């Protein structure tokens, strides 16, 4: 069962109201529906940007994990002391933990973006 829509009063300039009226007339929506559609679309845009940033960050973290694994292999192969090898393992594990956290956030944002896109396409 859907929650009932709520009324929300706010102020806007006469110029902005005129622009909304024209846009609503062009799209065949009420002014209220036009405002709701524009607000929902803005969230999709924001979430899309957040997702893109998280995906960039995920790529960087994947690179960091790979570099840490290569460094660990080099140190291990060189016969470095156990403390040095342990330090490189900790760096690799930390990068992997960050990568996994960002991956989960990216998956959440992707799902959220897809849900909003479906919501907007149904209007």
N, C-alpha and C. Protein backbone atom coordinates (compact mmCIF):
# COMPACT_ATOMS: atom_id res chain seq x y z
N UNK A 1 0.85 -1.18 0.00
CA UNK A 1 0.00 0.00 0.00
C UNK A 1 0.90 1.24 0.00
N UNK A 2 0.61 2.15 -0.91
CA UNK A 2 1.41 3.38 -1.00
C UNK A 2 0.99 4.38 0.05
N UNK A 3 1.98 5.10 0.55
CA UNK A 3 1.68 6.18 1.50
C UNK A 3 1.02 7.32 0.73
N UNK A 4 0.11 8.03 1.37
CA UNK A 4 -0.54 9.15 0.67
C UNK A 4 0.47 10.26 0.41
N UNK A 5 0.27 10.97 -0.69
CA UNK A 5 1.11 12.12 -0.99
C UNK A 5 0.87 13.20 0.05
N UNK A 6 1.92 13.94 0.36
CA UNK A 6 1.78 15.04 1.31
C UNK A 6 1.85 16.36 0.57
N UNK A 7 1.22 17.35 1.13
CA UNK A 7 1.33 18.69 0.57
C UNK A 7 2.51 19.38 1.22
N UNK A 8 3.21 20.19 0.40
CA UNK A 8 4.41 20.85 0.88
C UNK A 8 4.40 22.27 0.33
N UNK A 9 4.35 23.24 1.22
CA UNK A 9 4.33 24.64 0.79
C UNK A 9 5.75 25.19 0.78
N UNK A 10 6.06 25.95 -0.26
CA UNK A 10 7.36 26.62 -0.32
C UNK A 10 7.22 27.87 -1.19
N UNK A 11 8.20 28.74 -1.09
CA UNK A 11 8.19 29.98 -1.85
C UNK A 11 9.04 29.85 -3.09
N UNK A 12 8.60 30.49 -4.17
CA UNK A 12 9.40 30.59 -5.37
C UNK A 12 9.07 31.90 -6.07
N UNK A 13 10.00 32.34 -6.87
CA UNK A 13 9.80 33.62 -7.54
C UNK A 13 8.73 33.49 -8.63
N UNK A 14 8.16 34.62 -9.01
CA UNK A 14 7.16 34.63 -10.08
C UNK A 14 7.78 34.14 -11.38
N UNK A 15 9.03 34.51 -11.61
CA UNK A 15 9.73 34.07 -12.82
C UNK A 15 9.86 32.54 -12.86
N UNK A 16 10.24 31.95 -11.73
CA UNK A 16 10.38 30.50 -11.69
C UNK A 16 9.02 29.83 -11.86
N UNK A 17 7.99 30.39 -11.25
CA UNK A 17 6.65 29.82 -11.43
C UNK A 17 6.24 29.87 -12.90
N UNK A 18 6.52 30.99 -13.58
CA UNK A 18 6.21 31.10 -15.01
C UNK A 18 6.95 30.03 -15.81
N UNK A 19 8.22 29.83 -15.48
CA UNK A 19 9.00 28.82 -16.18
C UNK A 19 8.43 27.42 -15.94
N UNK A 20 8.02 27.15 -14.71
CA UNK A 20 7.42 25.85 -14.40
C UNK A 20 6.09 25.67 -15.13
N UNK A 21 5.30 26.72 -15.20
CA UNK A 21 4.02 26.64 -15.91
C UNK A 21 4.25 26.33 -17.39
N UNK A 22 5.23 27.00 -18.00
CA UNK A 22 5.54 26.74 -19.42
C UNK A 22 6.03 25.30 -19.61
N UNK A 23 6.93 24.88 -18.74
CA UNK A 23 7.46 23.51 -18.86
C UNK A 23 6.35 22.48 -18.67
N UNK A 24 5.47 22.71 -17.70
CA UNK A 24 4.37 21.79 -17.45
C UNK A 24 3.44 21.73 -18.65
N UNK A 25 3.17 22.87 -19.26
CA UNK A 25 2.31 22.90 -20.44
C UNK A 25 2.95 22.13 -21.60
N UNK A 26 4.26 22.28 -21.75
CA UNK A 26 4.97 21.59 -22.84
C UNK A 26 4.98 20.08 -22.65
N UNK A 27 5.04 19.63 -21.41
CA UNK A 27 5.09 18.18 -21.13
C UNK A 27 3.72 17.58 -20.87
N UNK A 28 2.71 18.44 -20.75
CA UNK A 28 1.36 17.94 -20.49
C UNK A 28 1.15 17.49 -19.05
N UNK A 29 1.95 18.04 -18.14
CA UNK A 29 1.83 17.69 -16.73
C UNK A 29 1.27 18.89 -15.96
N UNK A 30 0.79 18.60 -14.77
CA UNK A 30 0.42 19.69 -13.87
C UNK A 30 1.71 20.32 -13.36
N UNK A 31 1.61 21.50 -12.77
CA UNK A 31 2.81 22.13 -12.20
C UNK A 31 3.37 21.24 -11.09
N UNK A 32 2.50 20.69 -10.28
CA UNK A 32 2.94 19.81 -9.20
C UNK A 32 3.69 18.60 -9.75
N UNK A 33 3.14 17.96 -10.77
CA UNK A 33 3.79 16.79 -11.37
C UNK A 33 5.13 17.18 -12.01
N UNK A 34 5.19 18.36 -12.60
CA UNK A 34 6.44 18.84 -13.20
C UNK A 34 7.52 19.03 -12.14
N UNK A 35 7.14 19.62 -11.01
CA UNK A 35 8.10 19.82 -9.92
C UNK A 35 8.59 18.48 -9.39
N UNK A 36 7.67 17.54 -9.16
CA UNK A 36 8.03 16.22 -8.65
C UNK A 36 8.97 15.52 -9.62
N UNK A 37 8.67 15.55 -10.91
CA UNK A 37 9.51 14.88 -11.91
C UNK A 37 10.90 15.49 -11.92
N UNK A 38 10.99 16.81 -11.87
CA UNK A 38 12.30 17.48 -11.88
C UNK A 38 13.10 17.17 -10.62
N UNK A 39 12.44 17.12 -9.48
CA UNK A 39 13.15 16.77 -8.25
C UNK A 39 13.66 15.33 -8.30
N UNK A 40 12.81 14.41 -8.74
CA UNK A 40 13.24 13.01 -8.83
C UNK A 40 14.39 12.86 -9.81
N UNK A 41 14.34 13.55 -10.94
CA UNK A 41 15.42 13.48 -11.92
C UNK A 41 16.72 14.03 -11.35
N UNK A 42 16.62 15.04 -10.51
CA UNK A 42 17.84 15.60 -9.93
C UNK A 42 18.51 14.59 -9.00
N UNK A 43 17.73 13.79 -8.30
CA UNK A 43 18.31 12.77 -7.44
C UNK A 43 19.00 11.69 -8.26
N UNK A 44 18.41 11.32 -9.38
CA UNK A 44 19.05 10.33 -10.26
C UNK A 44 20.38 10.87 -10.75
N UNK A 45 20.42 12.14 -11.10
CA UNK A 45 21.67 12.75 -11.57
C UNK A 45 22.72 12.75 -10.46
N UNK A 46 22.33 13.14 -9.28
CA UNK A 46 23.26 13.16 -8.15
C UNK A 46 23.76 11.75 -7.84
N UNK A 47 22.84 10.80 -7.79
CA UNK A 47 23.24 9.42 -7.50
C UNK A 47 24.12 8.86 -8.60
N UNK A 48 23.84 9.24 -9.85
CA UNK A 48 24.67 8.79 -10.96
C UNK A 48 26.09 9.33 -10.83
N UNK A 49 26.22 10.59 -10.43
CA UNK A 49 27.56 11.16 -10.22
C UNK A 49 28.27 10.48 -9.06
N UNK A 50 27.52 10.20 -7.99
CA UNK A 50 28.12 9.51 -6.85
C UNK A 50 28.59 8.11 -7.28
N UNK A 51 27.79 7.44 -8.09
CA UNK A 51 28.16 6.11 -8.58
C UNK A 51 29.42 6.19 -9.44
N UNK A 52 29.47 7.16 -10.33
CA UNK A 52 30.66 7.32 -11.18
C UNK A 52 31.91 7.56 -10.33
N UNK A 53 31.77 8.39 -9.31
CA UNK A 53 32.91 8.64 -8.41
C UNK A 53 33.33 7.37 -7.69
N UNK A 54 32.36 6.61 -7.22
CA UNK A 54 32.67 5.38 -6.51
C UNK A 54 33.32 4.36 -7.45
N UNK A 55 32.87 4.30 -8.70
CA UNK A 55 33.47 3.38 -9.65
C UNK A 55 34.91 3.78 -9.97
N UNK A 56 35.17 5.09 -10.07
CA UNK A 56 36.54 5.57 -10.26
C UNK A 56 37.40 5.19 -9.06
N UNK A 57 36.85 5.40 -7.86
CA UNK A 57 37.57 5.06 -6.65
C UNK A 57 37.84 3.55 -6.59
N UNK A 58 36.86 2.76 -7.01
CA UNK A 58 37.02 1.31 -7.01
C UNK A 58 38.14 0.89 -7.96
N UNK A 59 38.20 1.52 -9.11
CA UNK A 59 39.27 1.23 -10.06
C UNK A 59 40.64 1.55 -9.46
N UNK A 60 40.74 2.70 -8.79
CA UNK A 60 42.00 3.09 -8.15
C UNK A 60 42.38 2.11 -7.05
N UNK A 61 41.38 1.67 -6.28
CA UNK A 61 41.67 0.71 -5.21
C UNK A 61 42.07 -0.66 -5.76
N UNK A 62 41.45 -1.05 -6.87
CA UNK A 62 41.88 -2.30 -7.51
C UNK A 62 43.35 -2.20 -7.92
N UNK A 63 43.72 -1.05 -8.47
CA UNK A 63 45.13 -0.82 -8.85
C UNK A 63 46.02 -0.86 -7.62
N UNK A 64 45.59 -0.25 -6.53
CA UNK A 64 46.38 -0.23 -5.30
C UNK A 64 46.57 -1.63 -4.74
N UNK A 65 45.53 -2.46 -4.81
CA UNK A 65 45.65 -3.84 -4.33
C UNK A 65 46.65 -4.60 -5.20
N UNK A 66 46.56 -4.40 -6.50
CA UNK A 66 47.49 -5.09 -7.41
C UNK A 66 48.93 -4.67 -7.14
N UNK A 67 49.16 -3.37 -6.95
CA UNK A 67 50.50 -2.87 -6.64
C UNK A 67 50.99 -3.48 -5.33
N UNK A 68 50.12 -3.51 -4.32
CA UNK A 68 50.50 -4.08 -3.02
C UNK A 68 50.83 -5.56 -3.15
N UNK A 69 50.06 -6.29 -3.95
CA UNK A 69 50.35 -7.71 -4.14
C UNK A 69 51.69 -7.91 -4.86
N UNK A 70 51.98 -7.07 -5.86
CA UNK A 70 53.26 -7.15 -6.56
C UNK A 70 54.42 -6.83 -5.63
N UNK A 71 54.26 -5.78 -4.81
CA UNK A 71 55.31 -5.41 -3.86
C UNK A 71 55.54 -6.53 -2.85
N UNK A 72 54.45 -7.13 -2.38
CA UNK A 72 54.55 -8.22 -1.43
C UNK A 72 55.32 -9.39 -2.03
N UNK A 73 55.00 -9.73 -3.27
CA UNK A 73 55.70 -10.84 -3.94
C UNK A 73 57.18 -10.52 -4.10
N UNK A 74 57.50 -9.27 -4.46
CA UNK A 74 58.90 -8.87 -4.62
C UNK A 74 59.65 -8.98 -3.31
N UNK A 75 59.05 -8.46 -2.23
CA UNK A 75 59.69 -8.49 -0.92
C UNK A 75 59.87 -9.93 -0.45
N UNK A 76 58.85 -10.74 -0.65
CA UNK A 76 58.89 -12.14 -0.23
C UNK A 76 59.98 -12.90 -1.01
N UNK A 77 60.00 -12.65 -2.34
CA UNK A 77 60.99 -13.32 -3.19
C UNK A 77 62.42 -12.88 -2.87
N UNK A 78 62.58 -11.66 -2.38
CA UNK A 78 63.91 -11.15 -2.04
C UNK A 78 64.40 -11.67 -0.69
N UNK A 79 63.56 -12.43 -0.01
CA UNK A 79 63.94 -12.99 1.28
C UNK A 79 63.98 -11.95 2.39
N UNK A 80 63.07 -10.99 2.33
CA UNK A 80 63.01 -9.92 3.34
C UNK A 80 62.63 -10.50 4.69
N UNK A 81 62.98 -9.78 5.76
CA UNK A 81 62.61 -10.23 7.11
C UNK A 81 61.09 -10.37 7.25
N UNK A 82 60.69 -11.25 8.17
CA UNK A 82 59.25 -11.50 8.38
C UNK A 82 58.48 -10.22 8.70
N UNK A 83 59.08 -9.31 9.45
CA UNK A 83 58.40 -8.06 9.82
C UNK A 83 58.10 -7.23 8.57
N UNK A 84 59.03 -7.21 7.63
CA UNK A 84 58.81 -6.46 6.38
C UNK A 84 57.72 -7.10 5.55
N UNK A 85 57.75 -8.41 5.46
CA UNK A 85 56.71 -9.13 4.71
C UNK A 85 55.35 -8.89 5.36
N UNK A 86 55.30 -8.93 6.68
CA UNK A 86 54.04 -8.70 7.40
C UNK A 86 53.52 -7.29 7.14
N UNK A 87 54.42 -6.30 7.07
CA UNK A 87 54.02 -4.93 6.79
C UNK A 87 53.39 -4.82 5.40
N UNK A 88 53.98 -5.48 4.42
CA UNK A 88 53.44 -5.45 3.07
C UNK A 88 52.11 -6.20 2.98
N UNK A 89 51.97 -7.28 3.76
CA UNK A 89 50.68 -7.99 3.81
C UNK A 89 49.60 -7.08 4.39
N UNK A 90 49.95 -6.34 5.44
CA UNK A 90 48.98 -5.43 6.05
C UNK A 90 48.54 -4.36 5.06
N UNK A 91 49.49 -3.82 4.30
CA UNK A 91 49.12 -2.81 3.28
C UNK A 91 48.17 -3.39 2.25
N UNK A 92 48.50 -4.60 1.79
CA UNK A 92 47.64 -5.24 0.79
C UNK A 92 46.25 -5.49 1.36
N UNK A 93 46.19 -6.01 2.59
CA UNK A 93 44.90 -6.32 3.21
C UNK A 93 44.07 -5.06 3.45
N UNK A 94 44.73 -3.97 3.82
CA UNK A 94 44.02 -2.71 4.04
C UNK A 94 43.43 -2.20 2.72
N UNK A 95 44.22 -2.24 1.66
CA UNK A 95 43.73 -1.80 0.35
C UNK A 95 42.57 -2.68 -0.11
N UNK A 96 42.66 -3.98 0.14
CA UNK A 96 41.59 -4.90 -0.25
C UNK A 96 40.31 -4.62 0.55
N UNK A 97 40.46 -4.30 1.85
CA UNK A 97 39.30 -3.99 2.68
C UNK A 97 38.60 -2.72 2.16
N UNK A 98 39.39 -1.69 1.85
CA UNK A 98 38.81 -0.46 1.31
C UNK A 98 38.11 -0.73 -0.02
N UNK A 99 38.75 -1.52 -0.86
CA UNK A 99 38.16 -1.85 -2.16
C UNK A 99 36.81 -2.54 -1.97
N UNK A 100 36.75 -3.51 -1.04
CA UNK A 100 35.49 -4.23 -0.82
C UNK A 100 34.40 -3.32 -0.29
N UNK A 101 34.76 -2.38 0.59
CA UNK A 101 33.78 -1.43 1.13
C UNK A 101 33.23 -0.54 0.01
N UNK A 102 34.12 -0.02 -0.83
CA UNK A 102 33.68 0.85 -1.92
C UNK A 102 32.86 0.05 -2.93
N UNK A 103 33.23 -1.19 -3.15
CA UNK A 103 32.47 -2.04 -4.07
C UNK A 103 31.03 -2.19 -3.59
N UNK A 104 30.84 -2.41 -2.29
CA UNK A 104 29.48 -2.53 -1.73
C UNK A 104 28.71 -1.22 -1.88
N UNK A 105 29.37 -0.08 -1.63
CA UNK A 105 28.71 1.21 -1.81
C UNK A 105 28.33 1.43 -3.27
N UNK A 106 29.21 1.05 -4.18
CA UNK A 106 28.91 1.21 -5.61
C UNK A 106 27.72 0.35 -6.01
N UNK A 107 27.66 -0.87 -5.49
CA UNK A 107 26.52 -1.74 -5.78
C UNK A 107 25.22 -1.14 -5.27
N UNK A 108 25.26 -0.57 -4.07
CA UNK A 108 24.08 0.08 -3.50
C UNK A 108 23.66 1.26 -4.38
N UNK A 109 24.62 2.11 -4.77
CA UNK A 109 24.29 3.27 -5.60
C UNK A 109 23.77 2.85 -6.97
N UNK A 110 24.32 1.78 -7.52
CA UNK A 110 23.84 1.29 -8.82
C UNK A 110 22.38 0.85 -8.69
N UNK A 111 22.07 0.13 -7.64
CA UNK A 111 20.69 -0.32 -7.41
C UNK A 111 19.76 0.87 -7.23
N UNK A 112 20.19 1.84 -6.44
CA UNK A 112 19.38 3.03 -6.20
C UNK A 112 19.14 3.80 -7.49
N UNK A 113 20.18 3.96 -8.29
CA UNK A 113 20.06 4.68 -9.56
C UNK A 113 19.10 3.95 -10.50
N UNK A 114 19.22 2.62 -10.56
CA UNK A 114 18.32 1.83 -11.42
C UNK A 114 16.88 1.94 -10.94
N UNK A 115 16.66 1.90 -9.63
CA UNK A 115 15.30 2.03 -9.09
C UNK A 115 14.69 3.38 -9.47
N UNK A 116 15.47 4.46 -9.33
CA UNK A 116 14.94 5.76 -9.69
C UNK A 116 14.71 5.89 -11.18
N UNK A 117 15.56 5.30 -11.98
CA UNK A 117 15.36 5.35 -13.43
C UNK A 117 14.07 4.64 -13.81
N UNK A 118 13.79 3.52 -13.16
CA UNK A 118 12.54 2.79 -13.42
C UNK A 118 11.35 3.62 -12.98
N UNK A 119 11.47 4.27 -11.81
CA UNK A 119 10.40 5.12 -11.31
C UNK A 119 10.11 6.24 -12.30
N UNK A 120 11.16 6.89 -12.79
CA UNK A 120 10.97 8.02 -13.72
C UNK A 120 10.41 7.55 -15.06
N UNK A 121 10.82 6.38 -15.53
CA UNK A 121 10.32 5.91 -16.83
C UNK A 121 8.85 5.53 -16.76
N UNK A 122 8.38 5.21 -15.55
CA UNK A 122 6.97 4.84 -15.38
C UNK A 122 6.04 6.01 -15.27
N UNK A 123 6.59 7.22 -15.30
CA UNK A 123 5.73 8.41 -15.16
C UNK A 123 5.33 8.96 -16.50
